[in-house]
Amino acid sequence: MAEVDGATAGPRPDPAPEDTSWIEPPTCPKCGAAVRVCPTNYDRWVSLAMVDLPAKEVPEPYRWRLTKVYGRAPIPIDIVAVRVRGVDPLPSEPVVPAHRMMCVPDEGWAPRPWD
């Protein structure tokens, strides 16, 4: 299921509480664009584009929504990516596309055995 959905990204870095070093935003190894790495609702990680697009511009297999996860307080503690399935969104409704839909590899990029 994760491979079909494209949820094959590694998890975000988990710094120690005393760690004050800067954490760079993740980038795509193929095109160098900034990506949003989010956990999914089935314990995998997915690389998402940094922008929301109308559903009519995103093919169905690449549509994701970001859902806030709440703890005991009314403050969200995390954001989880959920694939848009079942009921299709309205054409103008914003969805988050998977980065692999928007990824255009650099000209010098060559696939490595682990890609």
C-alpha atoms as a PDB file:
ATOM      1  CA  MET A   1       0.000   0.000   0.000  1.00  0.00           C
ATOM      2  CA  ALA A   2       2.808   2.418   0.880  1.00  0.00           C
ATOM      3  CA  GLU A   3       4.655   1.860  -2.403  1.00  0.00           C
ATOM      4  CA  VAL A   4       1.486   2.384  -4.451  1.00  0.00           C
ATOM      5  CA  ASP A   5       0.737   5.613  -2.572  1.00  0.00           C
ATOM      6  CA  GLY A   6       4.354   6.784  -2.848  1.00  0.00           C
ATOM      7  CA  ALA A   7       4.797   6.823   0.928  1.00  0.00           C
ATOM      8  CA  THR A   8       8.441   5.757   0.863  1.00  0.00           C
ATOM      9  CA  ALA A   9      10.167   8.808   2.380  1.00  0.00           C
ATOM     10  CA  GLY A  10      12.285   8.575   5.501  1.00  0.00           C
ATOM     11  CA  PRO A  11      11.035  10.051   8.772  1.00  0.00           C
ATOM     12  CA  ARG A  12      11.795  13.600   9.870  1.00  0.00           C
ATOM     13  CA  PRO A  13      14.869  14.079  12.083  1.00  0.00           C
ATOM     14  CA  ASP A  14      14.132  13.739  15.786  1.00  0.00           C
ATOM     15  CA  PRO A  15      16.532  16.040  17.656  1.00  0.00           C
ATOM     16  CA  ALA A  16      17.354  15.606  21.301  1.00  0.00           C
ATOM     17  CA  PRO A  17      15.713  18.098  23.711  1.00  0.00           C
ATOM     18  CA  GLU A  18      19.062  19.859  24.301  1.00  0.00           C
ATOM     19  CA  ASP A  19      20.020  19.957  20.609  1.00  0.00           C
ATOM     20  CA  THR A  20      20.105  23.547  19.349  1.00  0.00           C
ATOM     21  CA  SER A  21      21.574  22.904  15.896  1.00  0.00           C
ATOM     22  CA  TRP A  22      19.694  24.075  12.812  1.00  0.00           C
ATOM     23  CA  ILE A  23      17.610  21.477  10.954  1.00  0.00           C
ATOM     24  CA  GLU A  24      17.552  22.143   7.230  1.00  0.00           C
ATOM     25  CA  PRO A  25      14.238  21.615   5.437  1.00  0.00           C
ATOM     26  CA  PRO A  26      14.252  18.346   3.485  1.00  0.00           C
ATOM     27  CA  THR A  27      14.934  18.454  -0.243  1.00  0.00           C
ATOM     28  CA  CYS A  28      14.307  15.994  -3.056  1.00  0.00           C
ATOM     29  CA  PRO A  29      17.491  14.114  -4.032  1.00  0.00           C
ATOM     30  CA  LYS A  30      16.368  14.043  -7.688  1.00  0.00           C
ATOM     31  CA  CYS A  31      15.358  17.653  -8.343  1.00  0.00           C
ATOM     32  CA  GLY A  32      16.595  19.566  -5.291  1.00  0.00           C
ATOM     33  CA  ALA A  33      13.187  21.130  -4.537  1.00  0.00           C
ATOM     34  CA  ALA A  34      12.028  21.587  -0.957  1.00  0.00           C
ATOM     35  CA  VAL A  35       9.531  18.946   0.167  1.00  0.00           C
ATOM     36  CA  ARG A  36       7.180  18.540   3.091  1.00  0.00           C
ATOM     37  CA  VAL A  37       7.782  15.149   4.759  1.00  0.00           C
ATOM     38  CA  CYS A  38       4.691  14.057   6.704  1.00  0.00           C
ATOM     39  CA  PRO A  39       3.691  10.883   8.509  1.00  0.00           C
ATOM     40  CA  THR A  40       0.758   8.996   7.005  1.00  0.00           C
ATOM     41  CA  ASN A  41      -2.187   7.438   8.813  1.00  0.00           C
ATOM     42  CA  TYR A  42      -0.583   3.987   8.330  1.00  0.00           C
ATOM     43  CA  ASP A  43       2.841   4.633   9.917  1.00  0.00           C
ATOM     44  CA  ARG A  44       4.791   5.506   6.782  1.00  0.00           C
ATOM     45  CA  TRP A  45       6.233   8.831   5.577  1.00  0.00           C
ATOM     46  CA  VAL A  46       5.423  10.672   2.343  1.00  0.00           C
ATOM     47  CA  SER A  47       7.097  13.573   0.542  1.00  0.00           C
ATOM     48  CA  LEU A  48       4.519  16.188  -0.375  1.00  0.00           C
ATOM     49  CA  ALA A  49       4.732  19.359  -2.451  1.00  0.00           C
ATOM     50  CA  MET A  50       5.004  22.650  -0.591  1.00  0.00           C
ATOM     51  CA  VAL A  51       1.895  24.125  -2.246  1.00  0.00           C
ATOM     52  CA  ASP A  52      -1.769  23.200  -2.311  1.00  0.00           C
ATOM     53  CA  LEU A  53      -3.438  22.899  -5.712  1.00  0.00           C
ATOM     54  CA  PRO A  54      -7.079  22.611  -6.799  1.00  0.00           C
ATOM     55  CA  ALA A  55      -8.175  18.973  -7.043  1.00  0.00           C
ATOM     56  CA  LYS A  56      -8.887  19.353 -10.770  1.00  0.00           C
ATOM     57  CA  GLU A  57      -5.157  19.948 -11.390  1.00  0.00           C
ATOM     58  CA  VAL A  58      -3.932  16.919  -9.422  1.00  0.00           C
ATOM     59  CA  PRO A  59      -4.428  13.370 -10.763  1.00  0.00           C
ATOM     60  CA  GLU A  60      -6.302  11.113  -8.360  1.00  0.00           C
ATOM     61  CA  PRO A  61      -3.341   8.899  -7.288  1.00  0.00           C
ATOM     62  CA  TYR A  62      -1.385  11.952  -6.080  1.00  0.00           C
ATOM     63  CA  ARG A  63      -4.021  13.690  -3.914  1.00  0.00           C
ATOM     64  CA  TRP A  64      -3.354  14.028  -0.176  1.00  0.00           C
ATOM     65  CA  ARG A  65      -4.914  16.014   2.662  1.00  0.00           C
ATOM     66  CA  LEU A  66      -3.203  17.147   5.835  1.00  0.00           C
ATOM     67  CA  THR A  67      -5.133  16.422   9.015  1.00  0.00           C
ATOM     68  CA  LYS A  68      -4.318  17.895  12.414  1.00  0.00           C
ATOM     69  CA  VAL A  69      -3.928  15.460  15.313  1.00  0.00           C
ATOM     70  CA  TYR A  70      -5.044  16.729  18.703  1.00  0.00           C
ATOM     71  CA  GLY A  71      -3.986  15.586  22.150  1.00  0.00           C
ATOM     72  CA  ARG A  72      -5.877  16.324  25.326  1.00  0.00           C
ATOM     73  CA  ALA A  73      -5.643  20.071  24.738  1.00  0.00           C
ATOM     74  CA  PRO A  74      -7.256  21.906  21.800  1.00  0.00           C
ATOM     75  CA  ILE A  75      -3.788  22.544  20.347  1.00  0.00           C
ATOM     76  CA  PRO A  76      -2.690  20.319  17.435  1.00  0.00           C
ATOM     77  CA  ILE A  77       0.309  18.160  18.300  1.00  0.00           C
ATOM     78  CA  ASP A  78       1.087  16.827  14.809  1.00  0.00           C
ATOM     79  CA  ILE A  79      -0.062  16.799  11.204  1.00  0.00           C
ATOM     80  CA  VAL A  80      -0.813  13.525   9.395  1.00  0.00           C
ATOM     81  CA  ALA A  81      -1.103  13.033   5.625  1.00  0.00           C
ATOM     82  CA  VAL A  82      -4.209  11.135   4.496  1.00  0.00           C
ATOM     83  CA  ARG A  83      -4.797   9.963   0.917  1.00  0.00           C
ATOM     84  CA  VAL A  84      -7.939  11.359  -0.698  1.00  0.00           C
ATOM     85  CA  ARG A  85     -10.065   8.306  -1.509  1.00  0.00           C
ATOM     86  CA  GLY A  86     -13.706   7.318  -1.595  1.00  0.00           C
ATOM     87  CA  VAL A  87     -15.486  10.620  -2.092  1.00  0.00           C
ATOM     88  CA  ASP A  88     -13.848  12.767  -4.772  1.00  0.00           C
ATOM     89  CA  PRO A  89     -13.177  16.373  -3.753  1.00  0.00           C
ATOM     90  CA  LEU A  90     -14.817  19.242  -5.577  1.00  0.00           C
ATOM     91  CA  PRO A  91     -12.724  20.462  -8.538  1.00  0.00           C
ATOM     92  CA  SER A  92     -11.855  23.710  -6.753  1.00  0.00           C
ATOM     93  CA  GLU A  93     -11.140  22.096  -3.370  1.00  0.00           C
ATOM     94  CA  PRO A  94      -7.455  22.356  -2.379  1.00  0.00           C
ATOM     95  CA  VAL A  95      -5.419  19.156  -2.035  1.00  0.00           C
ATOM     96  CA  VAL A  96      -1.721  18.597  -1.402  1.00  0.00           C
ATOM     97  CA  PRO A  97      -0.041  16.836  -4.330  1.00  0.00           C
ATOM     98  CA  ALA A  98       2.597  14.179  -3.758  1.00  0.00           C
ATOM     99  CA  HIS A  99       6.016  15.548  -4.646  1.00  0.00           C
ATOM    100  CA  ARG A 100       6.620  12.738  -7.134  1.00  0.00           C
ATOM    101  CA  MET A 101       3.898  14.281  -9.337  1.00  0.00           C
ATOM    102  CA  MET A 102       5.791  17.577  -9.525  1.00  0.00           C
ATOM    103  CA  CYS A 103       9.362  16.209  -9.500  1.00  0.00           C
ATOM    104  CA  VAL A 104      11.437  16.999 -12.576  1.00  0.00           C
ATOM    105  CA  PRO A 105      14.925  15.490 -12.174  1.00  0.00           C
ATOM    106  CA  ASP A 106      17.972  17.630 -12.922  1.00  0.00           C
ATOM    107  CA  GLU A 107      19.687  16.915 -16.239  1.00  0.00           C
ATOM    108  CA  GLY A 108      22.779  15.507 -14.543  1.00  0.00           C
ATOM    109  CA  TRP A 109      20.771  13.200 -12.306  1.00  0.00           C
ATOM    110  CA  ALA A 110      21.234   9.471 -12.864  1.00  0.00           C
ATOM    111  CA  PRO A 111      19.326   6.816 -10.916  1.00  0.00           C
ATOM    112  CA  ARG A 112      21.310   5.176  -8.168  1.00  0.00           C
ATOM    113  CA  PRO A 113      20.769   1.544  -7.133  1.00  0.00           C
ATOM    114  CA  TRP A 114      18.954   2.632  -3.947  1.00  0.00           C
ATOM    115  CA  ASP A 115      16.559   5.128  -5.674  1.00  0.00           C
END
